[in-house]
Amino acid sequence: MEKTKMNPAFLRPGNAARYLGVSARTVRSWQTKGLLPFSRVSKRCVLIAVSDLDAFAAKCRVVAIGE
């Protein structure tokens, strides 16, 4: 059987942090402040849509002068 690499539509906060290149604490802070949408699946399970991460990153992107 051939293994295929999955591209998940949702990530847990730790993986979302790695995806954005920030700490998990930063992701939790953004969630608390209402800056980053998330879904609470259960008491201990939070999921963040990759599409929301991409949109958030695009919105926060800073372009250096000369780019």
PDB file of N, CA and C in Angstrom:
ATOM      1  N   MET A   1       0.835  -1.175   0.000  1.00  0.00           N
ATOM      2  CA  MET A   1       0.000   0.000   0.000  1.00  0.00           C
ATOM      3  C   MET A   1       0.885   1.245   0.000  1.00  0.00           C
ATOM      4  N   GLU A   2       0.541   2.211  -0.814  1.00  0.00           N
ATOM      5  CA  GLU A   2       1.327   3.424  -0.957  1.00  0.00           C
ATOM      6  C   GLU A   2       0.890   4.477   0.059  1.00  0.00           C
ATOM      7  N   LYS A   3       1.863   5.046   0.763  1.00  0.00           N
ATOM      8  CA  LYS A   3       1.557   6.103   1.729  1.00  0.00           C
ATOM      9  C   LYS A   3       1.481   7.431   1.003  1.00  0.00           C
ATOM     10  N   THR A   4       0.456   8.195   1.321  1.00  0.00           N
ATOM     11  CA  THR A   4       0.332   9.536   0.763  1.00  0.00           C
ATOM     12  C   THR A   4       0.412  10.544   1.891  1.00  0.00           C
ATOM     13  N   LYS A   5       1.014  11.676   1.600  1.00  0.00           N
ATOM     14  CA  LYS A   5       1.133  12.722   2.608  1.00  0.00           C
ATOM     15  C   LYS A   5      -0.168  13.503   2.641  1.00  0.00           C
ATOM     16  N   MET A   6      -0.792  13.561   3.806  1.00  0.00           N
ATOM     17  CA  MET A   6      -2.038  14.299   3.951  1.00  0.00           C
ATOM     18  C   MET A   6      -1.759  15.780   4.143  1.00  0.00           C
ATOM     19  N   ASN A   7      -2.607  16.589   3.592  1.00  0.00           N
ATOM     20  CA  ASN A   7      -2.549  18.024   3.797  1.00  0.00           C
ATOM     21  C   ASN A   7      -3.798  18.382   4.599  1.00  0.00           C
ATOM     22  N   PRO A   8      -3.682  18.437   5.926  1.00  0.00           N
ATOM     23  CA  PRO A   8      -4.875  18.628   6.748  1.00  0.00           C
ATOM     24  C   PRO A   8      -5.503  20.007   6.547  1.00  0.00           C
ATOM     25  N   ALA A   9      -6.820  20.028   6.662  1.00  0.00           N
ATOM     26  CA  ALA A   9      -7.547  21.290   6.545  1.00  0.00           C
ATOM     27  C   ALA A   9      -7.555  22.032   7.876  1.00  0.00           C
ATOM     28  N   PHE A  10      -7.318  21.307   8.972  1.00  0.00           N
ATOM     29  CA  PHE A  10      -7.331  21.889  10.314  1.00  0.00           C
ATOM     30  C   PHE A  10      -6.081  21.469  11.064  1.00  0.00           C
ATOM     31  N   LEU A  11      -5.583  22.366  11.920  1.00  0.00           N
ATOM     32  CA  LEU A  11      -4.408  22.083  12.749  1.00  0.00           C
ATOM     33  C   LEU A  11      -4.719  22.391  14.198  1.00  0.00           C
ATOM     34  N   ARG A  12      -4.055  21.656  15.085  1.00  0.00           N
ATOM     35  CA  ARG A  12      -4.134  21.978  16.506  1.00  0.00           C
ATOM     36  C   ARG A  12      -3.229  23.183  16.753  1.00  0.00           C
ATOM     37  N   PRO A  13      -3.419  23.899  17.858  1.00  0.00           N
ATOM     38  CA  PRO A  13      -2.656  25.134  18.093  1.00  0.00           C
ATOM     39  C   PRO A  13      -1.132  24.994  18.001  1.00  0.00           C
ATOM     40  N   GLY A  14      -0.582  23.916  18.505  1.00  0.00           N
ATOM     41  CA  GLY A  14       0.871  23.723  18.424  1.00  0.00           C
ATOM     42  C   GLY A  14       1.355  23.607  16.993  1.00  0.00           C
ATOM     43  N   ASN A  15       0.616  22.854  16.190  1.00  0.00           N
ATOM     44  CA  ASN A  15       0.973  22.712  14.776  1.00  0.00           C
ATOM     45  C   ASN A  15       0.714  24.004  14.016  1.00  0.00           C
ATOM     46  N   ALA A  16      -0.334  24.724  14.389  1.00  0.00           N
ATOM     47  CA  ALA A  16      -0.616  26.017  13.773  1.00  0.00           C
ATOM     48  C   ALA A  16       0.523  26.993  14.060  1.00  0.00           C
ATOM     49  N   ALA A  17       1.053  26.943  15.266  1.00  0.00           N
ATOM     50  CA  ALA A  17       2.179  27.803  15.634  1.00  0.00           C
ATOM     51  C   ALA A  17       3.392  27.491  14.765  1.00  0.00           C
ATOM     52  N   ARG A  18       3.693  26.212  14.587  1.00  0.00           N
ATOM     53  CA  ARG A  18       4.812  25.820  13.729  1.00  0.00           C
ATOM     54  C   ARG A  18       4.557  26.259  12.283  1.00  0.00           C
ATOM     55  N   TYR A  19       3.324  26.142  11.838  1.00  0.00           N
ATOM     56  CA  TYR A  19       2.947  26.538  10.475  1.00  0.00           C
ATOM     57  C   TYR A  19       3.220  28.025  10.245  1.00  0.00           C
ATOM     58  N   LEU A  20       2.940  28.851  11.262  1.00  0.00           N
ATOM     59  CA  LEU A  20       3.140  30.301  11.149  1.00  0.00           C
ATOM     60  C   LEU A  20       4.525  30.758  11.582  1.00  0.00           C
ATOM     61  N   GLY A  21       5.269  29.875  12.242  1.00  0.00           N
ATOM     62  CA  GLY A  21       6.605  30.237  12.703  1.00  0.00           C
ATOM     63  C   GLY A  21       6.599  31.067  13.969  1.00  0.00           C
ATOM     64  N   VAL A  22       5.601  30.840  14.818  1.00  0.00           N
ATOM     65  CA  VAL A  22       5.501  31.548  16.095  1.00  0.00           C
ATOM     66  C   VAL A  22       5.348  30.508  17.205  1.00  0.00           C
ATOM     67  N   SER A  23       5.282  30.977  18.438  1.00  0.00           N
ATOM     68  CA  SER A  23       5.120  30.060  19.561  1.00  0.00           C
ATOM     69  C   SER A  23       3.644  29.707  19.757  1.00  0.00           C
ATOM     70  N   ALA A  24       3.404  28.596  20.438  1.00  0.00           N
ATOM     71  CA  ALA A  24       2.031  28.181  20.761  1.00  0.00           C
ATOM     72  C   ALA A  24       1.378  29.219  21.671  1.00  0.00           C
ATOM     73  N   ARG A  25       2.159  29.835  22.532  1.00  0.00           N
ATOM     74  CA  ARG A  25       1.642  30.879  23.417  1.00  0.00           C
ATOM     75  C   ARG A  25       1.113  32.066  22.601  1.00  0.00           C
ATOM     76  N   THR A  26       1.805  32.410  21.535  1.00  0.00           N
ATOM     77  CA  THR A  26       1.361  33.506  20.669  1.00  0.00           C
ATOM     78  C   THR A  26       0.033  33.160  20.002  1.00  0.00           C
ATOM     79  N   VAL A  27      -0.096  31.930  19.512  1.00  0.00           N
ATOM     80  CA  VAL A  27      -1.348  31.493  18.884  1.00  0.00           C
ATOM     81  C   VAL A  27      -2.485  31.560  19.900  1.00  0.00           C
ATOM     82  N   ARG A  28      -2.254  31.091  21.116  1.00  0.00           N
ATOM     83  CA  ARG A  28      -3.293  31.157  22.155  1.00  0.00           C
ATOM     84  C   ARG A  28      -3.664  32.601  22.471  1.00  0.00           C
ATOM     85  N   SER A  29      -2.684  33.488  22.471  1.00  0.00           N
ATOM     86  CA  SER A  29      -2.942  34.900  22.716  1.00  0.00           C
ATOM     87  C   SER A  29      -3.822  35.491  21.616  1.00  0.00           C
ATOM     88  N   TRP A  30      -3.523  35.165  20.376  1.00  0.00           N
ATOM     89  CA  TRP A  30      -4.328  35.648  19.256  1.00  0.00           C
ATOM     90  C   TRP A  30      -5.759  35.108  19.339  1.00  0.00           C
ATOM     91  N   GLN A  31      -5.898  33.863  19.790  1.00  0.00           N
ATOM     92  CA  GLN A  31      -7.237  33.283  19.954  1.00  0.00           C
ATOM     93  C   GLN A  31      -8.005  34.034  21.038  1.00  0.00           C
ATOM     94  N   THR A  32      -7.363  34.272  22.172  1.00  0.00           N
ATOM     95  CA  THR A  32      -7.994  34.961  23.296  1.00  0.00           C
ATOM     96  C   THR A  32      -8.424  36.375  22.915  1.00  0.00           C
ATOM     97  N   LYS A  33      -7.609  37.049  22.112  1.00  0.00           N
ATOM     98  CA  LYS A  33      -7.913  38.418  21.690  1.00  0.00           C
ATOM     99  C   LYS A  33      -8.925  38.468  20.546  1.00  0.00           C
ATOM    100  N   GLY A  34      -9.307  37.300  20.022  1.00  0.00           N
ATOM    101  CA  GLY A  34     -10.273  37.243  18.934  1.00  0.00           C
ATOM    102  C   GLY A  34      -9.681  37.556  17.573  1.00  0.00           C
ATOM    103  N   LEU A  35      -8.359  37.508  17.461  1.00  0.00           N
ATOM    104  CA  LEU A  35      -7.695  37.815  16.197  1.00  0.00           C
ATOM    105  C   LEU A  35      -7.632  36.615  15.260  1.00  0.00           C
ATOM    106  N   LEU A  36      -7.653  35.420  15.817  1.00  0.00           N
ATOM    107  CA  LEU A  36      -7.509  34.195  15.031  1.00  0.00           C
ATOM    108  C   LEU A  36      -8.698  33.281  15.299  1.00  0.00           C
ATOM    109  N   PRO A  37      -9.528  33.014  14.291  1.00  0.00           N
ATOM    110  CA  PRO A  37     -10.693  32.145  14.502  1.00  0.00           C
ATOM    111  C   PRO A  37     -10.274  30.704  14.791  1.00  0.00           C
ATOM    112  N   PHE A  38     -11.072  30.021  15.598  1.00  0.00           N
ATOM    113  CA  PHE A  38     -10.797  28.620  15.932  1.00  0.00           C
ATOM    114  C   PHE A  38     -12.104  27.927  16.265  1.00  0.00           C
ATOM    115  N   SER A  39     -12.061  26.608  16.275  1.00  0.00           N
ATOM    116  CA  SER A  39     -13.224  25.796  16.645  1.00  0.00           C
ATOM    117  C   SER A  39     -12.861  24.937  17.839  1.00  0.00           C
ATOM    118  N   ARG A  40     -13.681  24.988  18.863  1.00  0.00           N
ATOM    119  CA  ARG A  40     -13.471  24.124  20.022  1.00  0.00           C
ATOM    120  C   ARG A  40     -14.317  22.880  19.801  1.00  0.00           C
ATOM    121  N   VAL A  41     -13.648  21.768  19.501  1.00  0.00           N
ATOM    122  CA  VAL A  41     -14.317  20.514  19.194  1.00  0.00           C
ATOM    123  C   VAL A  41     -14.788  19.824  20.465  1.00  0.00           C
ATOM    124  N   SER A  42     -13.988  19.912  21.505  1.00  0.00           N
ATOM    125  CA  SER A  42     -14.336  19.384  22.819  1.00  0.00           C
ATOM    126  C   SER A  42     -13.647  20.257  23.857  1.00  0.00           C
ATOM    127  N   LYS A  43     -13.783  19.880  25.110  1.00  0.00           N
ATOM    128  CA  LYS A  43     -13.190  20.688  26.182  1.00  0.00           C
ATOM    129  C   LYS A  43     -11.682  20.878  25.989  1.00  0.00           C
ATOM    130  N   ARG A  44     -11.010  19.851  25.472  1.00  0.00           N
ATOM    131  CA  ARG A  44      -9.554  19.904  25.350  1.00  0.00           C
ATOM    132  C   ARG A  44      -9.046  19.958  23.914  1.00  0.00           C
ATOM    133  N   CYS A  45      -9.928  19.973  22.940  1.00  0.00           N
ATOM    134  CA  CYS A  45      -9.501  19.930  21.537  1.00  0.00           C
ATOM    135  C   CYS A  45      -9.922  21.191  20.792  1.00  0.00           C
ATOM    136  N   VAL A  46      -8.924  21.942  20.362  1.00  0.00           N
ATOM    137  CA  VAL A  46      -9.146  23.162  19.585  1.00  0.00           C
ATOM    138  C   VAL A  46      -8.527  22.951  18.208  1.00  0.00           C
ATOM    139  N   LEU A  47      -9.262  23.323  17.164  1.00  0.00           N
ATOM    140  CA  LEU A  47      -8.760  23.203  15.802  1.00  0.00           C
ATOM    141  C   LEU A  47      -8.821  24.556  15.113  1.00  0.00           C
ATOM    142  N   ILE A  48      -7.828  24.808  14.259  1.00  0.00           N
ATOM    143  CA  ILE A  48      -7.745  26.056  13.512  1.00  0.00           C
ATOM    144  C   ILE A  48      -7.642  25.690  12.034  1.00  0.00           C
ATOM    145  N   ALA A  49      -8.483  26.294  11.214  1.00  0.00           N
ATOM    146  CA  ALA A  49      -8.473  26.027   9.779  1.00  0.00           C
ATOM    147  C   ALA A  49      -7.209  26.606   9.145  1.00  0.00           C
ATOM    148  N   VAL A  50      -6.579  25.818   8.291  1.00  0.00           N
ATOM    149  CA  VAL A  50      -5.383  26.282   7.588  1.00  0.00           C
ATOM    150  C   VAL A  50      -5.725  27.506   6.736  1.00  0.00           C
ATOM    151  N   SER A  51      -6.914  27.531   6.164  1.00  0.00           N
ATOM    152  CA  SER A  51      -7.322  28.693   5.360  1.00  0.00           C
ATOM    153  C   SER A  51      -7.382  29.958   6.226  1.00  0.00           C
ATOM    154  N   ASP A  52      -7.797  29.815   7.490  1.00  0.00           N
ATOM    155  CA  ASP A  52      -7.806  30.960   8.404  1.00  0.00           C
ATOM    156  C   ASP A  52      -6.382  31.394   8.749  1.00  0.00           C
ATOM    157  N   LEU A  53      -5.486  30.436   8.892  1.00  0.00           N
ATOM    158  CA  LEU A  53      -4.082  30.765   9.167  1.00  0.00           C
ATOM    159  C   LEU A  53      -3.472  31.519   7.995  1.00  0.00           C
ATOM    160  N   ASP A  54      -3.768  31.052   6.777  1.00  0.00           N
ATOM    161  CA  ASP A  54      -3.239  31.724   5.589  1.00  0.00           C
ATOM    162  C   ASP A  54      -3.780  33.146   5.474  1.00  0.00           C
ATOM    163  N   ALA A  55      -5.072  33.316   5.719  1.00  0.00           N
ATOM    164  CA  ALA A  55      -5.690  34.642   5.649  1.00  0.00           C
ATOM    165  C   ALA A  55      -5.106  35.569   6.718  1.00  0.00           C
ATOM    166  N   PHE A  56      -4.927  35.044   7.922  1.00  0.00           N
ATOM    167  CA  PHE A  56      -4.364  35.828   9.015  1.00  0.00           C
ATOM    168  C   PHE A  56      -2.937  36.257   8.688  1.00  0.00           C
ATOM    169  N   ALA A  57      -2.142  35.331   8.169  1.00  0.00           N
ATOM    170  CA  ALA A  57      -0.753  35.643   7.814  1.00  0.00           C
ATOM    171  C   ALA A  57      -0.699  36.699   6.712  1.00  0.00           C
ATOM    172  N   ALA A  58      -1.592  36.594   5.728  1.00  0.00           N
ATOM    173  CA  ALA A  58      -1.616  37.572   4.632  1.00  0.00           C
ATOM    174  C   ALA A  58      -2.003  38.952   5.151  1.00  0.00           C
ATOM    175  N   LYS A  59      -2.955  38.984   6.090  1.00  0.00           N
ATOM    176  CA  LYS A  59      -3.409  40.248   6.657  1.00  0.00           C
ATOM    177  C   LYS A  59      -2.312  40.912   7.481  1.00  0.00           C
ATOM    178  N   CYS A  60      -1.467  40.115   8.124  1.00  0.00           N
ATOM    179  CA  CYS A  60      -0.437  40.646   9.017  1.00  0.00           C
ATOM    180  C   CYS A  60       0.900  40.847   8.318  1.00  0.00           C
ATOM    181  N   ARG A  61       0.966  40.517   7.050  1.00  0.00           N
ATOM    182  CA  ARG A  61       2.235  40.594   6.311  1.00  0.00           C
ATOM    183  C   ARG A  61       2.715  42.033   6.230  1.00  0.00           C
ATOM    184  N   VAL A  62       3.993  42.214   6.493  1.00  0.00           N
ATOM    185  CA  VAL A  62       4.629  43.535   6.402  1.00  0.00           C
ATOM    186  C   VAL A  62       5.614  43.471   5.257  1.00  0.00           C
ATOM    187  N   VAL A  63       5.508  44.414   4.343  1.00  0.00           N
ATOM    188  CA  VAL A  63       6.409  44.451   3.187  1.00  0.00           C
ATOM    189  C   VAL A  63       7.498  45.474   3.443  1.00  0.00           C
ATOM    190  N   ALA A  64       8.722  45.041   3.240  1.00  0.00           N
ATOM    191  CA  ALA A  64       9.858  45.951   3.420  1.00  0.00           C
ATOM    192  C   ALA A  64       9.924  46.919   2.261  1.00  0.00           C
ATOM    193  N   ILE A  65      10.456  48.086   2.512  1.00  0.00           N
ATOM    194  CA  ILE A  65      10.621  49.087   1.472  1.00  0.00           C
ATOM    195  C   ILE A  65      11.596  48.535   0.429  1.00  0.00           C
ATOM    196  N   GLY A  66      11.219  48.657  -0.831  1.00  0.00           N
ATOM    197  CA  GLY A  66      12.074  48.164  -1.891  1.00  0.00           C
ATOM    198  C   GLY A  66      11.654  46.816  -2.437  1.00  0.00           C
ATOM    199  N   GLU A  67      10.647  46.175  -1.822  1.00  0.00           N
ATOM    200  CA  GLU A  67      10.173  44.880  -2.329  1.00  0.00           C
ATOM    201  C   GLU A  67       9.160  45.075  -3.404  1.00  0.00           C
TER     202      GLU A  67
END
